[in-house]
N, C-alpha and C. Protein backbone atom coordinates (compact mmCIF):
# COMPACT_ATOMS: atom_id res chain seq x y z
N MET A 1 -4.77 7.16 -7.94
CA MET A 1 -3.96 7.07 -6.74
C MET A 1 -3.56 5.62 -6.56
N ARG A 2 -2.30 5.41 -6.26
CA ARG A 2 -1.79 4.07 -5.94
C ARG A 2 -1.22 4.11 -4.53
N VAL A 3 -1.55 3.07 -3.75
CA VAL A 3 -1.08 3.00 -2.37
C VAL A 3 -0.52 1.60 -2.10
N PRO A 4 0.74 1.35 -2.42
CA PRO A 4 1.35 0.06 -2.07
C PRO A 4 1.63 0.00 -0.56
N VAL A 5 1.26 -1.13 0.04
CA VAL A 5 1.48 -1.35 1.47
C VAL A 5 2.11 -2.72 1.63
N ASP A 6 3.22 -2.81 2.34
CA ASP A 6 3.78 -4.12 2.65
C ASP A 6 3.99 -4.22 4.15
N ALA A 7 4.85 -5.10 4.60
CA ALA A 7 4.99 -5.36 6.04
C ALA A 7 5.40 -4.13 6.84
N SER A 8 6.15 -3.20 6.27
CA SER A 8 6.60 -2.06 7.06
C SER A 8 6.65 -0.75 6.27
N ALA A 9 6.14 -0.72 5.07
CA ALA A 9 6.19 0.51 4.27
C ALA A 9 4.84 0.81 3.66
N VAL A 10 4.52 2.10 3.60
CA VAL A 10 3.33 2.58 2.92
C VAL A 10 3.80 3.68 1.98
N GLU A 11 3.39 3.58 0.72
CA GLU A 11 3.73 4.60 -0.27
C GLU A 11 2.45 5.06 -0.93
N VAL A 12 2.31 6.35 -1.12
CA VAL A 12 1.12 6.91 -1.76
C VAL A 12 1.59 7.69 -2.98
N TYR A 13 1.03 7.35 -4.13
CA TYR A 13 1.34 8.06 -5.38
C TYR A 13 0.03 8.65 -5.91
N ALA A 14 -0.02 9.95 -6.06
CA ALA A 14 -1.20 10.63 -6.56
C ALA A 14 -0.83 11.52 -7.74
N SER A 15 -1.81 11.90 -8.50
CA SER A 15 -1.61 12.81 -9.64
C SER A 15 -0.57 12.27 -10.61
N GLY A 16 -0.66 10.96 -10.90
CA GLY A 16 0.27 10.36 -11.84
C GLY A 16 1.70 10.30 -11.33
N GLY A 17 1.89 10.33 -10.02
CA GLY A 17 3.23 10.26 -9.43
C GLY A 17 3.84 11.62 -9.13
N ARG A 18 3.12 12.70 -9.40
CA ARG A 18 3.65 14.03 -9.08
C ARG A 18 3.66 14.30 -7.58
N ASP A 19 2.70 13.70 -6.88
CA ASP A 19 2.62 13.85 -5.42
C ASP A 19 2.90 12.49 -4.80
N VAL A 20 3.89 12.42 -3.92
CA VAL A 20 4.33 11.15 -3.34
C VAL A 20 4.50 11.29 -1.84
N LEU A 21 4.09 10.27 -1.10
CA LEU A 21 4.31 10.21 0.34
C LEU A 21 4.78 8.80 0.66
N SER A 22 5.83 8.68 1.45
CA SER A 22 6.33 7.39 1.91
C SER A 22 6.51 7.44 3.41
N THR A 23 6.18 6.33 4.07
CA THR A 23 6.37 6.26 5.51
C THR A 23 6.59 4.81 5.94
N ARG A 24 7.13 4.61 7.10
CA ARG A 24 7.27 3.28 7.69
C ARG A 24 6.08 3.05 8.59
N TRP A 25 5.65 1.80 8.68
CA TRP A 25 4.46 1.47 9.44
C TRP A 25 4.63 0.06 9.97
N PHE A 26 4.40 -0.16 11.24
CA PHE A 26 4.58 -1.46 11.85
C PHE A 26 3.27 -1.91 12.48
N PRO A 27 2.41 -2.57 11.68
CA PRO A 27 1.10 -2.99 12.19
C PRO A 27 1.23 -4.10 13.22
N VAL A 28 0.27 -4.18 14.12
CA VAL A 28 0.27 -5.23 15.13
C VAL A 28 -0.79 -6.28 14.86
N ALA A 29 -1.71 -6.03 13.92
CA ALA A 29 -2.77 -6.97 13.59
C ALA A 29 -2.29 -7.94 12.51
N GLU A 30 -2.88 -9.12 12.47
CA GLU A 30 -2.54 -10.12 11.45
C GLU A 30 -3.13 -9.76 10.09
N GLU A 31 -4.23 -9.00 10.07
CA GLU A 31 -4.89 -8.65 8.82
C GLU A 31 -4.99 -7.14 8.70
N LEU A 32 -5.09 -6.66 7.47
CA LEU A 32 -5.19 -5.24 7.17
C LEU A 32 -6.51 -4.96 6.49
N SER A 33 -7.22 -3.96 6.95
CA SER A 33 -8.45 -3.51 6.30
C SER A 33 -8.20 -2.15 5.68
N VAL A 34 -8.73 -1.94 4.50
CA VAL A 34 -8.58 -0.67 3.81
C VAL A 34 -9.96 -0.15 3.48
N ALA A 35 -10.22 1.11 3.78
CA ALA A 35 -11.50 1.73 3.49
C ALA A 35 -11.27 2.95 2.60
N LEU A 36 -12.06 3.06 1.56
CA LEU A 36 -12.00 4.22 0.67
C LEU A 36 -13.21 5.09 0.91
N HIS A 37 -12.99 6.37 1.09
CA HIS A 37 -14.08 7.32 1.28
C HIS A 37 -14.05 8.30 0.13
N GLY A 38 -15.13 8.39 -0.60
CA GLY A 38 -15.18 9.25 -1.77
C GLY A 38 -15.66 8.45 -2.96
N SER A 39 -15.36 8.92 -4.13
CA SER A 39 -15.79 8.20 -5.32
C SER A 39 -14.62 8.04 -6.29
N CYS A 40 -14.67 6.96 -7.04
CA CYS A 40 -13.65 6.72 -8.06
C CYS A 40 -14.27 5.85 -9.14
N ALA A 41 -13.68 5.86 -10.31
CA ALA A 41 -14.21 5.11 -11.44
C ALA A 41 -14.00 3.61 -11.25
N ALA A 42 -12.87 3.22 -10.66
CA ALA A 42 -12.57 1.80 -10.48
C ALA A 42 -11.56 1.64 -9.34
N GLY A 43 -11.54 0.46 -8.77
CA GLY A 43 -10.57 0.16 -7.73
C GLY A 43 -10.04 -1.24 -7.92
N HIS A 44 -8.77 -1.46 -7.61
CA HIS A 44 -8.15 -2.77 -7.74
C HIS A 44 -7.29 -3.03 -6.52
N VAL A 45 -7.20 -4.28 -6.11
CA VAL A 45 -6.35 -4.68 -5.00
C VAL A 45 -5.46 -5.82 -5.49
N TRP A 46 -4.16 -5.70 -5.25
CA TRP A 46 -3.21 -6.74 -5.61
C TRP A 46 -2.49 -7.17 -4.34
N ALA A 47 -2.26 -8.46 -4.19
CA ALA A 47 -1.47 -8.95 -3.07
C ALA A 47 0.00 -8.76 -3.40
N MET A 48 0.76 -8.25 -2.45
CA MET A 48 2.19 -8.06 -2.65
C MET A 48 2.92 -9.25 -2.06
N GLY A 49 3.87 -9.77 -2.79
CA GLY A 49 4.67 -10.88 -2.31
C GLY A 49 5.85 -10.38 -1.50
N ASP A 50 6.56 -11.30 -0.91
CA ASP A 50 7.76 -10.98 -0.14
C ASP A 50 8.96 -11.06 -1.05
N GLY A 51 9.48 -9.93 -1.48
CA GLY A 51 10.62 -9.88 -2.38
C GLY A 51 11.89 -10.42 -1.77
N MET A 52 11.92 -10.55 -0.46
CA MET A 52 13.10 -11.07 0.23
C MET A 52 12.92 -12.53 0.65
N ALA A 53 11.81 -13.15 0.27
CA ALA A 53 11.54 -14.53 0.67
C ALA A 53 12.69 -15.44 0.26
N GLY A 54 13.11 -16.27 1.18
CA GLY A 54 14.17 -17.23 0.91
C GLY A 54 15.58 -16.67 1.02
N THR A 55 15.70 -15.38 1.35
CA THR A 55 17.04 -14.79 1.45
C THR A 55 17.50 -14.63 2.89
N TYR A 56 16.64 -14.93 3.83
CA TYR A 56 17.02 -14.79 5.24
C TYR A 56 16.51 -15.96 6.04
């Protein structure tokens, strides 16, 4: 499962991309906490950059 989250979008990709969910999200906190419930072989977290940086 992959769950990219940025300033206003959340996307969930499961089953190798066969199942997809996208939504808009406007957090009010300065920091984001993520909790996983269940078991998995491995987990990774990557920081997402601002693809629009310097354009506005």
